[in-house]
Amino acid sequence: MGRTTRRIMLAVLLAGAGIPSARAQEPAPPATEAKPPELAKNETMAARLAGLVGFVNVACPELRGEPEQLHAAVRRLGVEPGALDAGTLHLAATAYLESYRKDPEANCRRAFDSFGPSGSLVPNLVARR
């Protein structure tokens, strides 16, 4: 977990510690079960690639994502790179990033094997720092 993420989590925990206990015992409102919007196959692939590069940049100390390669790959999928900065595609990319964090060591290794200089999927998307 990155230093910035730890600081944010600590700030959230400390802020929550000041909530009065009566308020903490209030039942949560029922969650609405909203189904996430469906993405086209090319949008899903673009979100996966963006999530992977984001994951590599924050969780793999020896690796870094190549933004130019990411933008080129996303454009080849028919998605403008700016579309990943907000909205549904951004949320999807963030979800992929978080899913990769569940096993950072294995996913860093897979990212380099699949997307590094000798990768077969999108070569040079991931490089050594």
Protein backbone atom coordinates (compact mmCIF):
# COMPACT_ATOMS: atom_id res chain seq x y z
CA MET A 1 0.00 0.00 0.00
CA GLY A 2 1.42 3.38 -0.94
CA ARG A 3 2.34 6.03 1.58
CA THR A 4 -0.39 8.39 0.32
CA THR A 5 -3.04 5.67 0.56
CA ARG A 6 -1.99 4.89 4.12
CA ARG A 7 -2.22 8.56 5.07
CA ILE A 8 -5.70 8.84 3.58
CA MET A 9 -6.86 5.72 5.39
CA LEU A 10 -5.39 6.99 8.68
CA ALA A 11 -7.13 10.35 8.22
CA VAL A 12 -10.45 8.61 7.57
CA LEU A 13 -10.03 6.41 10.65
CA LEU A 14 -9.10 9.37 12.85
CA ALA A 15 -12.02 11.41 11.54
CA GLY A 16 -14.37 8.54 12.27
CA ALA A 17 -13.06 8.24 15.83
CA GLY A 18 -14.63 11.59 16.73
CA ILE A 19 -18.19 10.47 15.89
CA PRO A 20 -20.37 10.17 19.00
CA SER A 21 -21.21 6.56 19.85
CA ALA A 22 -24.97 7.12 19.63
CA ARG A 23 -24.57 8.21 16.05
CA ALA A 24 -22.32 5.25 15.29
CA GLN A 25 -25.11 2.91 16.44
CA GLU A 26 -27.72 4.32 14.06
CA PRO A 27 -28.73 1.74 11.48
CA ALA A 28 -27.47 2.38 8.01
CA PRO A 29 -30.08 3.20 5.39
CA PRO A 30 -30.86 0.24 3.15
CA ALA A 31 -28.55 0.01 0.18
CA THR A 32 -30.14 0.23 -3.20
CA GLU A 33 -28.98 -2.48 -5.50
CA ALA A 34 -28.02 -0.53 -8.57
CA LYS A 35 -26.48 -2.54 -11.35
CA PRO A 36 -23.41 -0.84 -12.81
CA PRO A 37 -23.85 0.34 -16.38
CA GLU A 38 -22.79 -2.12 -19.02
CA LEU A 39 -19.61 -1.28 -20.89
CA ALA A 40 -18.85 -2.24 -24.45
CA LYS A 41 -16.09 -4.85 -24.81
CA ASN A 42 -13.56 -2.27 -26.02
CA GLU A 43 -14.40 0.04 -23.09
CA THR A 44 -13.93 -2.84 -20.65
CA MET A 45 -10.52 -3.60 -22.16
CA ALA A 46 -9.53 0.08 -21.98
CA ALA A 47 -10.58 0.22 -18.31
CA ARG A 48 -8.61 -2.96 -17.57
CA LEU A 49 -5.47 -1.54 -19.17
CA ALA A 50 -5.84 1.77 -17.33
CA GLY A 51 -6.42 -0.06 -14.05
CA LEU A 52 -3.35 -2.19 -14.67
CA VAL A 53 -1.13 0.82 -15.38
CA GLY A 54 -2.50 2.61 -12.32
CA PHE A 55 -1.85 -0.48 -10.20
CA VAL A 56 1.71 -0.82 -11.50
CA ASN A 57 2.42 2.83 -10.73
CA VAL A 58 1.21 2.61 -7.12
CA ALA A 59 1.97 -0.98 -6.10
CA CYS A 60 5.01 -2.20 -8.05
CA PRO A 61 8.13 -0.42 -6.77
CA GLU A 62 10.35 -1.76 -9.55
CA LEU A 63 7.91 -1.11 -12.40
CA ARG A 64 6.17 1.81 -14.04
CA GLY A 65 3.43 2.16 -16.60
CA GLU A 66 4.11 3.92 -19.88
CA PRO A 67 1.37 6.53 -20.43
CA GLU A 68 2.11 6.95 -24.14
CA GLN A 69 1.73 3.22 -24.71
CA LEU A 70 -1.49 3.20 -22.67
CA HIS A 71 -2.94 6.08 -24.70
CA ALA A 72 -2.01 4.36 -27.98
CA ALA A 73 -3.51 1.03 -26.87
CA VAL A 74 -6.72 2.69 -25.68
CA ARG A 75 -7.04 4.62 -28.96
CA ARG A 76 -6.61 1.35 -30.90
CA LEU A 77 -9.61 0.10 -28.94
CA GLY A 78 -11.59 3.13 -30.14
CA VAL A 79 -11.65 4.87 -26.75
CA GLU A 80 -10.30 8.37 -26.19
CA PRO A 81 -7.81 8.35 -23.29
CA GLY A 82 -9.53 11.35 -21.69
CA ALA A 83 -12.67 9.25 -21.24
CA LEU A 84 -10.80 7.28 -18.56
CA ASP A 85 -10.38 10.37 -16.39
CA ALA A 86 -14.02 10.62 -15.27
CA GLY A 87 -17.35 8.89 -15.28
CA THR A 88 -18.09 5.22 -15.75
CA LEU A 89 -14.77 4.33 -17.39
CA HIS A 90 -12.84 5.96 -14.54
CA LEU A 91 -14.88 4.00 -11.99
CA ALA A 92 -14.31 0.76 -13.89
CA ALA A 93 -10.55 1.41 -14.15
CA THR A 94 -10.41 2.15 -10.42
CA ALA A 95 -12.26 -1.09 -9.67
CA TYR A 96 -9.73 -3.05 -11.74
CA LEU A 97 -6.85 -1.29 -9.96
CA GLU A 98 -8.29 -2.30 -6.60
CA SER A 99 -8.84 -5.90 -7.72
CA TYR A 100 -5.18 -6.15 -8.77
CA ARG A 101 -4.15 -4.96 -5.29
CA LYS A 102 -5.49 -8.16 -3.72
CA ASP A 103 -2.28 -9.98 -4.70
CA PRO A 104 0.26 -7.28 -5.55
CA GLU A 105 3.35 -9.49 -5.79
CA ALA A 106 1.79 -11.93 -8.25
CA ASN A 107 0.06 -9.18 -10.23
CA CYS A 108 3.24 -7.10 -10.54
CA ARG A 109 5.00 -10.18 -11.91
CA ARG A 110 2.12 -10.93 -14.31
CA ALA A 111 1.99 -7.31 -15.45
CA PHE A 112 5.66 -7.37 -16.41
CA ASP A 113 5.43 -10.81 -18.04
CA SER A 114 2.36 -9.91 -20.11
CA PHE A 115 2.90 -6.20 -20.75
CA GLY A 116 6.67 -5.73 -20.41
CA PRO A 117 9.19 -5.51 -23.27
CA SER A 118 8.72 -9.17 -24.23
CA GLY A 119 5.00 -9.24 -23.43
CA SER A 120 2.59 -10.71 -25.92
CA LEU A 121 -0.47 -8.56 -25.16
CA VAL A 122 0.63 -4.90 -25.25
CA PRO A 123 4.45 -4.88 -25.26
CA ASN A 124 6.18 -2.02 -23.43
CA LEU A 125 3.04 -0.94 -21.56
CA VAL A 126 5.01 -1.75 -18.38
CA ALA A 127 8.72 -1.05 -17.94
CA ARG A 128 11.31 -1.30 -15.19
CA ARG A 129 11.93 1.91 -13.23
